[in-house]
Amino acid sequence: MSMNAPVLERWWVAGLGKTLIWARQRVHEAGTSEVFDCDGKTLLYDSEDSANAALLDADFRALDGLDDEDAIALGFTLESIAPPNASTDSALRELMVQSIAPKH
């Protein structure tokens, strides 16, 4: 894992039925990027663009890029979700997959 502090943290989300799957992306000053996934793995990328491409290929969407229509298409409202929060990555791993109530 990179030792330099992240300059950007971005949350990504994928909707699968009544389940939200989260991924946390951190971009470092050196330009490298790491993604903490729902399996508790930290995946390293040589650039923010390569991490973004991998997340998009896995059907994730950047939370900060979603509008209300995008969220509804994924099965939730923006007001009804928030990225998971925990003091350690070990504790965070347990929160990376969440059930949601269906929206009509």
C-alpha atoms as a PDB file:
ATOM      1  CA  MET A   1       0.000   0.000   0.000  1.00  0.00           C
ATOM      2  CA  SER A   2       1.193   3.511  -0.754  1.00  0.00           C
ATOM      3  CA  MET A   3       2.722   5.370   2.162  1.00  0.00           C
ATOM      4  CA  ASN A   4       1.861   8.903   1.030  1.00  0.00           C
ATOM      5  CA  ALA A   5      -1.321  10.488   2.334  1.00  0.00           C
ATOM      6  CA  PRO A   6      -4.341  10.587   0.015  1.00  0.00           C
ATOM      7  CA  VAL A   7      -5.201  13.915  -1.581  1.00  0.00           C
ATOM      8  CA  LEU A   8      -8.672  12.752  -2.615  1.00  0.00           C
ATOM      9  CA  GLU A   9     -11.121  10.201  -1.292  1.00  0.00           C
ATOM     10  CA  ARG A  10     -14.093   9.259  -3.446  1.00  0.00           C
ATOM     11  CA  TRP A  11     -16.865   6.751  -2.837  1.00  0.00           C
ATOM     12  CA  TRP A  12     -18.269   4.544  -5.577  1.00  0.00           C
ATOM     13  CA  VAL A  13     -21.482   2.510  -5.443  1.00  0.00           C
ATOM     14  CA  ALA A  14     -23.058  -0.304  -7.419  1.00  0.00           C
ATOM     15  CA  GLY A  15     -26.666  -1.405  -7.101  1.00  0.00           C
ATOM     16  CA  LEU A  16     -27.566  -5.065  -7.343  1.00  0.00           C
ATOM     17  CA  GLY A  17     -31.254  -5.632  -6.683  1.00  0.00           C
ATOM     18  CA  LYS A  18     -31.868  -4.616  -3.078  1.00  0.00           C
ATOM     19  CA  THR A  19     -28.148  -4.463  -2.306  1.00  0.00           C
ATOM     20  CA  LEU A  20     -25.643  -1.610  -2.439  1.00  0.00           C
ATOM     21  CA  ILE A  21     -21.986  -2.460  -2.879  1.00  0.00           C
ATOM     22  CA  TRP A  22     -19.472   0.233  -1.953  1.00  0.00           C
ATOM     23  CA  ALA A  23     -15.883   0.897  -2.983  1.00  0.00           C
ATOM     24  CA  ARG A  24     -13.595   3.587  -1.538  1.00  0.00           C
ATOM     25  CA  GLN A  25     -11.051   5.169  -3.841  1.00  0.00           C
ATOM     26  CA  ARG A  26      -8.090   7.118  -2.554  1.00  0.00           C
ATOM     27  CA  VAL A  27      -5.863   9.128  -4.873  1.00  0.00           C
ATOM     28  CA  HIS A  28      -2.358   9.942  -3.654  1.00  0.00           C
ATOM     29  CA  GLU A  29      -0.126  12.931  -4.357  1.00  0.00           C
ATOM     30  CA  ALA A  30       2.131  10.753  -6.523  1.00  0.00           C
ATOM     31  CA  GLY A  31      -0.865  10.122  -8.806  1.00  0.00           C
ATOM     32  CA  THR A  32      -1.375   6.506  -7.758  1.00  0.00           C
ATOM     33  CA  SER A  33      -4.767   5.304  -6.667  1.00  0.00           C
ATOM     34  CA  GLU A  34      -6.029   2.566  -4.384  1.00  0.00           C
ATOM     35  CA  VAL A  35      -9.476   1.036  -4.127  1.00  0.00           C
ATOM     36  CA  PHE A  36     -10.750  -0.646  -0.970  1.00  0.00           C
ATOM     37  CA  ASP A  37     -13.383  -3.135  -2.126  1.00  0.00           C
ATOM     38  CA  CYS A  38     -16.248  -5.015  -0.513  1.00  0.00           C
ATOM     39  CA  ASP A  39     -14.028  -8.066   0.016  1.00  0.00           C
ATOM     40  CA  GLY A  40     -11.691  -6.035   2.224  1.00  0.00           C
ATOM     41  CA  LYS A  41      -8.951  -5.964  -0.404  1.00  0.00           C
ATOM     42  CA  THR A  42      -6.969  -2.869  -1.322  1.00  0.00           C
ATOM     43  CA  LEU A  43      -6.315  -2.826  -5.056  1.00  0.00           C
ATOM     44  CA  LEU A  44      -3.461  -0.612  -6.275  1.00  0.00           C
ATOM     45  CA  TYR A  45      -3.491   1.314  -9.562  1.00  0.00           C
ATOM     46  CA  ASP A  46      -0.817   3.375 -11.272  1.00  0.00           C
ATOM     47  CA  SER A  47      -3.226   6.279 -11.840  1.00  0.00           C
ATOM     48  CA  GLU A  48      -6.617   7.669 -10.917  1.00  0.00           C
ATOM     49  CA  ASP A  49      -7.790   7.055 -14.490  1.00  0.00           C
ATOM     50  CA  SER A  50      -6.928   3.353 -14.395  1.00  0.00           C
ATOM     51  CA  ALA A  51      -8.747   2.947 -11.064  1.00  0.00           C
ATOM     52  CA  ASN A  52     -11.776   4.823 -12.441  1.00  0.00           C
ATOM     53  CA  ALA A  53     -11.819   2.606 -15.535  1.00  0.00           C
ATOM     54  CA  ALA A  54     -11.680  -0.563 -13.413  1.00  0.00           C
ATOM     55  CA  LEU A  55     -14.540   0.655 -11.209  1.00  0.00           C
ATOM     56  CA  LEU A  56     -16.659   1.638 -14.211  1.00  0.00           C
ATOM     57  CA  ASP A  57     -15.960  -1.748 -15.844  1.00  0.00           C
ATOM     58  CA  ALA A  58     -17.279  -3.380 -12.660  1.00  0.00           C
ATOM     59  CA  ASP A  59     -20.517  -1.332 -12.938  1.00  0.00           C
ATOM     60  CA  PHE A  60     -19.681   1.074 -10.113  1.00  0.00           C
ATOM     61  CA  ARG A  61     -20.734   4.719 -10.317  1.00  0.00           C
ATOM     62  CA  ALA A  62     -19.010   7.603  -8.538  1.00  0.00           C
ATOM     63  CA  LEU A  63     -21.340   8.718  -5.757  1.00  0.00           C
ATOM     64  CA  ASP A  64     -20.403  12.373  -6.269  1.00  0.00           C
ATOM     65  CA  GLY A  65     -21.414  12.075  -9.933  1.00  0.00           C
ATOM     66  CA  LEU A  66     -24.904  10.666  -9.378  1.00  0.00           C
ATOM     67  CA  ASP A  67     -28.029  12.738  -9.761  1.00  0.00           C
ATOM     68  CA  ASP A  68     -31.505  11.825  -8.510  1.00  0.00           C
ATOM     69  CA  GLU A  69     -32.465  10.063 -11.767  1.00  0.00           C
ATOM     70  CA  ASP A  70     -29.266   7.973 -11.747  1.00  0.00           C
ATOM     71  CA  ALA A  71     -29.897   6.933  -8.148  1.00  0.00           C
ATOM     72  CA  ILE A  72     -33.504   5.943  -8.823  1.00  0.00           C
ATOM     73  CA  ALA A  73     -32.359   3.856 -11.803  1.00  0.00           C
ATOM     74  CA  LEU A  74     -29.983   2.045  -9.428  1.00  0.00           C
ATOM     75  CA  GLY A  75     -32.838   1.422  -6.975  1.00  0.00           C
ATOM     76  CA  PHE A  76     -32.380   4.061  -4.278  1.00  0.00           C
ATOM     77  CA  THR A  77     -32.653   7.790  -3.583  1.00  0.00           C
ATOM     78  CA  LEU A  78     -29.595   9.894  -2.851  1.00  0.00           C
ATOM     79  CA  GLU A  79     -31.135  10.991   0.443  1.00  0.00           C
ATOM     80  CA  SER A  80     -31.525   7.377   1.594  1.00  0.00           C
ATOM     81  CA  ILE A  81     -27.850   6.359   1.367  1.00  0.00           C
ATOM     82  CA  ALA A  82     -24.493   7.385   2.767  1.00  0.00           C
ATOM     83  CA  PRO A  83     -21.066   5.799   2.408  1.00  0.00           C
ATOM     84  CA  PRO A  84     -20.147   3.462   5.238  1.00  0.00           C
ATOM     85  CA  ASN A  85     -18.004   4.824   8.039  1.00  0.00           C
ATOM     86  CA  ALA A  86     -15.725   2.972  10.453  1.00  0.00           C
ATOM     87  CA  SER A  87     -12.530   3.684  12.354  1.00  0.00           C
ATOM     88  CA  THR A  88     -10.545   0.892  10.669  1.00  0.00           C
ATOM     89  CA  ASP A  89     -10.594  -0.802   7.275  1.00  0.00           C
ATOM     90  CA  SER A  90     -11.254  -4.094   9.046  1.00  0.00           C
ATOM     91  CA  ALA A  91     -14.445  -2.694  10.576  1.00  0.00           C
ATOM     92  CA  LEU A  92     -15.314  -0.913   7.322  1.00  0.00           C
ATOM     93  CA  ARG A  93     -15.212  -4.172   5.362  1.00  0.00           C
ATOM     94  CA  GLU A  94     -18.306  -5.380   7.234  1.00  0.00           C
ATOM     95  CA  LEU A  95     -20.238  -2.292   6.072  1.00  0.00           C
ATOM     96  CA  MET A  96     -19.296  -2.330   2.372  1.00  0.00           C
ATOM     97  CA  VAL A  97     -22.379  -4.348   1.362  1.00  0.00           C
ATOM     98  CA  GLN A  98     -25.718  -2.929   2.493  1.00  0.00           C
ATOM     99  CA  SER A  99     -29.344  -3.920   1.994  1.00  0.00           C
ATOM    100  CA  ILE A 100     -31.702  -1.168   0.895  1.00  0.00           C
ATOM    101  CA  ALA A 101     -35.451  -0.841   0.872  1.00  0.00           C
ATOM    102  CA  PRO A 102     -36.858  -0.866  -2.682  1.00  0.00           C
ATOM    103  CA  LYS A 103     -37.999   2.495  -4.053  1.00  0.00           C
ATOM    104  CA  HIS A 104     -41.081   2.753  -6.256  1.00  0.00           C
END
